[in-house]
Amino acid sequence: MAVQQLSINQISNPADREKLFKVLQECSGSMTRMEGEKDYIKESIAAIAKDLQLPKKLVAKMVKVYH
C-alpha cells in the first residue's frame, strides 16, 4: 500500500487550516497526558509493591482487574 503524502499547502482555506491545527494541538496534548498517566500508574504500582513487599506483576494485575 502506497503512502499518500499531504501538504498543508493543499488546504487553502485558512479556517480549515486553523481547525486542523487546533485538532493537532489537542491530540498532542491528550497524548502527553496519557503518557503522564502511564508514568503515574507505573510509579504507583512500584511504590506500593515495594511498601507491601508484593510482586509488581501481581499489583499490576490487580489494578487491571479492579479497573
C-alpha atoms as a PDB file:
ATOM      1  CA  MET A   1       0.000   0.000   0.000  1.00  0.00           C
ATOM      2  CA  ALA A   2       1.451   3.333  -1.047  1.00  0.00           C
ATOM      3  CA  VAL A   3       1.751   6.130   1.464  1.00  0.00           C
ATOM      4  CA  GLN A   4      -0.113   9.242   0.422  1.00  0.00           C
ATOM      5  CA  GLN A   5       1.631  12.486   1.213  1.00  0.00           C
ATOM      6  CA  LEU A   6      -0.381  15.542   2.094  1.00  0.00           C
ATOM      7  CA  SER A   7       0.921  19.042   2.234  1.00  0.00           C
ATOM      8  CA  ILE A   8      -0.586  21.656   4.483  1.00  0.00           C
ATOM      9  CA  ASN A   9      -0.485  23.874   1.387  1.00  0.00           C
ATOM     10  CA  GLN A  10      -3.195  21.700  -0.154  1.00  0.00           C
ATOM     11  CA  ILE A  11      -5.621  23.078   2.415  1.00  0.00           C
ATOM     12  CA  SER A  12      -6.168  26.541   1.013  1.00  0.00           C
ATOM     13  CA  ASN A  13      -8.971  27.727   3.290  1.00  0.00           C
ATOM     14  CA  PRO A  14      -7.426  29.492   6.331  1.00  0.00           C
ATOM     15  CA  ALA A  15     -10.357  28.471   8.537  1.00  0.00           C
ATOM     16  CA  ASP A  16      -9.816  24.799   7.635  1.00  0.00           C
ATOM     17  CA  ARG A  17      -6.091  25.136   8.353  1.00  0.00           C
ATOM     18  CA  GLU A  18      -6.892  26.597  11.751  1.00  0.00           C
ATOM     19  CA  LYS A  19      -9.345  23.760  12.508  1.00  0.00           C
ATOM     20  CA  LEU A  20      -6.714  21.184  11.568  1.00  0.00           C
ATOM     21  CA  PHE A  21      -4.036  22.888  13.643  1.00  0.00           C
ATOM     22  CA  LYS A  22      -6.361  23.044  16.676  1.00  0.00           C
ATOM     23  CA  VAL A  23      -7.116  19.324  16.405  1.00  0.00           C
ATOM     24  CA  LEU A  24      -3.414  18.527  16.085  1.00  0.00           C
ATOM     25  CA  GLN A  25      -2.666  20.575  19.203  1.00  0.00           C
ATOM     26  CA  GLU A  26      -5.496  18.986  21.199  1.00  0.00           C
ATOM     27  CA  CYS A  27      -4.491  15.462  20.201  1.00  0.00           C
ATOM     28  CA  SER A  28      -0.875  16.169  21.082  1.00  0.00           C
ATOM     29  CA  GLY A  29      -1.923  17.467  24.491  1.00  0.00           C
ATOM     30  CA  SER A  30      -4.096  14.415  25.046  1.00  0.00           C
ATOM     31  CA  MET A  31      -1.233  12.084  24.137  1.00  0.00           C
ATOM     32  CA  THR A  32       1.050  13.939  26.556  1.00  0.00           C
ATOM     33  CA  ARG A  33      -1.498  13.498  29.353  1.00  0.00           C
ATOM     34  CA  MET A  34      -1.790   9.779  28.534  1.00  0.00           C
ATOM     35  CA  GLU A  35       1.986   9.385  28.804  1.00  0.00           C
ATOM     36  CA  GLY A  36       1.926  11.147  32.158  1.00  0.00           C
ATOM     37  CA  GLU A  37      -0.860   8.919  33.449  1.00  0.00           C
ATOM     38  CA  LYS A  38       1.025   5.798  32.348  1.00  0.00           C
ATOM     39  CA  ASP A  39       4.091   7.013  34.244  1.00  0.00           C
ATOM     40  CA  TYR A  40       1.960   7.683  37.331  1.00  0.00           C
ATOM     41  CA  ILE A  41       0.479   4.178  37.196  1.00  0.00           C
ATOM     42  CA  LYS A  42       3.934   2.579  36.885  1.00  0.00           C
ATOM     43  CA  GLU A  43       5.328   4.631  39.744  1.00  0.00           C
ATOM     44  CA  SER A  44       2.316   3.938  41.963  1.00  0.00           C
ATOM     45  CA  ILE A  45       2.487   0.201  41.326  1.00  0.00           C
ATOM     46  CA  ALA A  46       6.210   0.132  42.028  1.00  0.00           C
ATOM     47  CA  ALA A  47       5.825   2.126  45.248  1.00  0.00           C
ATOM     48  CA  ILE A  48       3.024   0.037  46.756  1.00  0.00           C
ATOM     49  CA  ALA A  49       4.676  -3.206  45.661  1.00  0.00           C
ATOM     50  CA  LYS A  50       7.857  -2.182  47.438  1.00  0.00           C
ATOM     51  CA  ASP A  51       5.995  -0.918  50.508  1.00  0.00           C
ATOM     52  CA  LEU A  52       3.912  -4.094  50.889  1.00  0.00           C
ATOM     53  CA  GLN A  53       6.632  -6.422  49.569  1.00  0.00           C
ATOM     54  CA  LEU A  54       4.432  -7.731  46.763  1.00  0.00           C
ATOM     55  CA  PRO A  55       5.493  -8.590  43.220  1.00  0.00           C
ATOM     56  CA  LYS A  56       4.928  -5.666  40.860  1.00  0.00           C
ATOM     57  CA  LYS A  57       3.389  -8.024  38.348  1.00  0.00           C
ATOM     58  CA  LEU A  58       0.747  -9.077  40.864  1.00  0.00           C
ATOM     59  CA  VAL A  59      -0.099  -5.486  41.784  1.00  0.00           C
ATOM     60  CA  ALA A  60      -0.323  -4.515  38.106  1.00  0.00           C
ATOM     61  CA  LYS A  61      -2.724  -7.396  37.505  1.00  0.00           C
ATOM     62  CA  MET A  62      -4.815  -6.328  40.494  1.00  0.00           C
ATOM     63  CA  VAL A  63      -5.003  -2.793  39.073  1.00  0.00           C
ATOM     64  CA  LYS A  64      -6.223  -4.118  35.724  1.00  0.00           C
ATOM     65  CA  VAL A  65      -8.803  -6.400  37.344  1.00  0.00           C
ATOM     66  CA  TYR A  66     -10.040  -3.590  39.582  1.00  0.00           C
ATOM     67  CA  HIS A  67     -10.404  -1.261  36.615  1.00  0.00           C
END
